Amino acid sequence: MVAEIFNRVGGPVELDALVNLLALLLDVKDQPSVSLDAEDAGYWEQHLADRSFRPGSQLEARETLRRLWNAVRQLPPAQRDTFCLGFEDEEGTHLFSLLIDAELVTPGQLAQELGRSLEQQTLLWRQMPMGNAAIADALGATRQQVIKWRFHALRKLEKMMLAPDAK
């Protein structure tokens, strides 16, 4: 896998970046499991109520998140879903909570954008962030396909986010 990364990048890679990418691709996590016993409404309230941006970084974080979401929406569906279902930030917050907390989308808009019913989206949300095996099961794919889709998604997102016109 490391050889494939080096071949694709075509140049030197910082060790921390390589380790982080491998951990993401191999689904290595240090986060504890989340209980799935909550009711839909209570689950949404609990996972959204405690998440607020700090005043000093709110605008910058919201703009970065908006750019990321716009880039994610341009990915092919399998890559987009793989990225979304496995994404979590440094604090363990998954992408859908971040988007809704930043008021960039509503739960209904998010479900519609991803081509799912609100009920389907809520079921997936409860499992997020998902590991490769769970994503493969949810998407009807193999774990290896999920790893490949995530790799390609990350490469495309990196290019889109670093592009001067993406700002």
Protein backbone atom coordinates (compact mmCIF):
# COMPACT_ATOMS: atom_id res chain seq x y z
CA MET A 1 0.00 0.00 0.00
CA VAL A 2 2.88 2.35 0.82
CA ALA A 3 4.43 1.64 -2.59
CA GLU A 4 1.11 2.49 -4.28
CA ILE A 5 0.93 5.78 -2.38
CA PHE A 6 4.49 6.66 -3.40
CA ASN A 7 3.75 5.77 -7.03
CA ARG A 8 0.61 7.91 -7.07
CA VAL A 9 2.18 10.90 -5.33
CA GLY A 10 5.31 10.76 -7.45
CA GLY A 11 7.54 12.48 -4.91
CA PRO A 12 8.46 12.77 -1.26
CA VAL A 13 5.77 12.43 1.38
CA GLU A 14 5.99 13.74 4.94
CA LEU A 15 6.06 10.86 7.40
CA ASP A 16 3.14 12.22 9.47
CA ALA A 17 1.03 12.64 6.34
CA LEU A 18 1.87 9.09 5.23
CA VAL A 19 1.02 7.64 8.64
CA ASN A 20 -2.26 9.58 8.80
CA LEU A 21 -3.23 8.46 5.29
CA LEU A 22 -2.42 4.82 6.05
CA ALA A 23 -4.38 4.98 9.30
CA LEU A 24 -7.35 6.39 7.39
CA LEU A 25 -7.11 3.84 4.59
CA LEU A 26 -6.63 0.92 6.96
CA ASP A 27 -9.36 2.15 9.30
CA VAL A 28 -7.12 2.49 12.37
CA LYS A 29 -8.94 4.49 15.04
CA ASP A 30 -8.42 5.45 18.65
CA GLN A 31 -12.02 6.55 19.26
CA PRO A 32 -14.40 4.65 21.57
CA SER A 33 -17.62 3.16 20.20
CA VAL A 34 -20.83 5.21 20.21
CA SER A 35 -24.06 3.78 21.61
CA LEU A 36 -26.78 3.16 19.03
CA ASP A 37 -29.62 2.93 21.58
CA ALA A 38 -30.91 6.53 21.24
CA GLU A 39 -34.26 7.44 19.71
CA ASP A 40 -34.09 9.43 16.46
CA ALA A 41 -35.13 12.80 17.89
CA GLY A 42 -33.07 12.41 21.04
CA TYR A 43 -30.08 11.30 19.04
CA TRP A 44 -30.20 14.38 16.80
CA GLU A 45 -30.58 16.73 19.76
CA GLN A 46 -27.83 15.10 21.80
CA HIS A 47 -25.32 15.10 18.98
CA LEU A 48 -26.06 18.59 17.78
CA ALA A 49 -26.69 20.50 21.00
CA ASP A 50 -23.17 20.29 22.41
CA ARG A 51 -21.36 21.19 19.23
CA SER A 52 -20.75 24.88 18.67
CA PHE A 53 -17.93 26.72 17.02
CA ARG A 54 -15.74 29.00 19.11
CA PRO A 55 -16.39 32.66 18.25
CA GLY A 56 -12.82 33.38 17.10
CA SER A 57 -12.70 30.54 14.61
CA GLN A 58 -16.35 30.28 13.60
CA LEU A 59 -16.12 32.09 10.27
CA GLU A 60 -12.90 30.41 9.19
CA ALA A 61 -14.10 26.94 10.20
CA ARG A 62 -17.46 27.45 8.52
CA GLU A 63 -15.82 28.62 5.28
CA THR A 64 -13.41 25.66 5.26
CA LEU A 65 -16.28 23.29 5.92
CA ARG A 66 -18.35 24.89 3.15
CA ARG A 67 -15.45 24.45 0.70
CA LEU A 68 -14.98 20.84 1.79
CA TRP A 69 -18.68 20.05 1.38
CA ASN A 70 -18.74 21.65 -2.09
CA ALA A 71 -15.73 19.53 -3.08
CA VAL A 72 -17.23 16.35 -1.58
CA ARG A 73 -20.43 16.87 -3.57
CA GLN A 74 -18.37 16.80 -6.79
CA LEU A 75 -16.99 13.31 -6.09
CA PRO A 76 -18.45 10.23 -7.77
CA PRO A 77 -21.15 8.73 -5.48
CA ALA A 78 -19.11 5.75 -4.22
CA GLN A 79 -16.14 7.97 -3.33
CA ARG A 80 -18.39 10.62 -1.81
CA ASP A 81 -20.27 8.12 0.36
CA THR A 82 -17.08 6.36 1.45
CA PHE A 83 -15.52 9.67 2.48
CA CYS A 84 -18.65 10.94 4.26
CA LEU A 85 -19.42 7.75 6.16
CA GLY A 86 -15.88 7.37 7.48
CA PHE A 87 -15.04 11.02 8.15
CA GLU A 88 -14.40 12.36 11.63
CA ASP A 89 -12.51 15.40 12.84
CA GLU A 90 -9.90 15.53 15.60
CA GLU A 91 -12.62 15.54 18.25
CA GLY A 92 -14.40 12.51 16.78
CA THR A 93 -17.26 14.53 15.27
CA HIS A 94 -18.49 13.16 11.97
CA LEU A 95 -19.09 15.20 8.84
CA PHE A 96 -22.89 15.32 8.95
CA SER A 97 -22.93 16.82 12.47
CA LEU A 98 -20.34 19.40 11.46
CA LEU A 99 -22.35 20.43 8.39
CA ILE A 100 -25.61 20.72 10.29
CA ASP A 101 -24.02 22.49 13.27
CA ALA A 102 -22.49 25.05 10.89
CA GLU A 103 -25.97 25.53 9.36
CA LEU A 104 -24.69 24.62 5.90
CA VAL A 105 -27.43 21.99 5.45
CA THR A 106 -30.45 20.64 7.28
CA PRO A 107 -30.85 16.89 7.90
CA GLY A 108 -33.48 16.80 5.13
CA GLN A 109 -31.27 18.65 2.66
CA LEU A 110 -28.38 16.35 3.47
CA ALA A 111 -30.47 13.24 2.86
CA GLN A 112 -31.79 14.67 -0.40
CA GLU A 113 -28.29 15.69 -1.54
CA LEU A 114 -27.07 12.12 -0.96
CA GLY A 115 -30.12 10.51 -2.58
CA ARG A 116 -31.50 8.92 0.57
CA SER A 117 -34.61 9.24 2.67
CA LEU A 118 -34.27 11.01 6.01
CA GLU A 119 -34.83 7.65 7.72
CA GLN A 120 -32.04 5.97 5.73
CA GLN A 121 -29.74 8.91 6.42
CA THR A 122 -30.52 8.79 10.16
CA LEU A 123 -29.69 5.07 10.29
CA LEU A 124 -26.33 5.74 8.66
CA TRP A 125 -25.72 8.76 10.89
CA ARG A 126 -26.11 6.61 13.99
CA GLN A 127 -23.27 4.38 12.80
CA MET A 128 -20.85 7.17 11.89
CA PRO A 129 -17.98 7.32 11.70
CA MET A 130 -18.03 3.90 10.09
CA GLY A 131 -15.12 1.57 9.53
CA ASN A 132 -14.26 0.11 6.15
CA ALA A 133 -16.19 -3.12 6.73
CA ALA A 134 -19.35 -1.25 7.78
CA ILE A 135 -19.07 1.13 4.82
CA ALA A 136 -18.61 -1.83 2.48
CA ASP A 137 -21.72 -3.45 3.92
CA ALA A 138 -23.75 -0.23 3.65
CA LEU A 139 -22.67 0.34 0.04
CA GLY A 140 -22.83 -3.29 -1.08
CA ALA A 141 -19.12 -3.32 -1.85
CA THR A 142 -15.96 -5.06 -0.71
CA ARG A 143 -13.63 -3.68 1.94
CA GLN A 144 -10.92 -3.38 -0.73
CA GLN A 145 -13.22 -1.29 -2.95
CA VAL A 146 -13.92 1.01 0.00
CA ILE A 147 -10.18 1.45 0.63
CA LYS A 148 -9.64 2.28 -3.04
CA TRP A 149 -12.60 4.70 -3.15
CA ARG A 150 -11.36 6.49 -0.03
CA PHE A 151 -7.85 6.79 -1.45
CA HIS A 152 -9.15 8.31 -4.70
CA ALA A 153 -11.56 10.58 -2.82
CA LEU A 154 -8.78 11.92 -0.61
CA ARG A 155 -6.53 12.59 -3.60
CA LYS A 156 -9.30 14.44 -5.47
CA LEU A 157 -10.35 16.41 -2.39
CA GLU A 158 -6.76 17.42 -1.72
CA LYS A 159 -6.45 18.79 -5.24
CA MET A 160 -9.80 20.57 -5.08
CA MET A 161 -9.15 22.09 -1.65
CA LEU A 162 -5.67 23.31 -2.61
CA ALA A 163 -6.76 24.76 -5.95
CA PRO A 164 -6.58 28.58 -5.92
CA ASP A 165 -10.12 28.92 -7.31
CA ALA A 166 -11.53 26.68 -4.53
CA LYS A 167 -11.25 29.54 -2.05
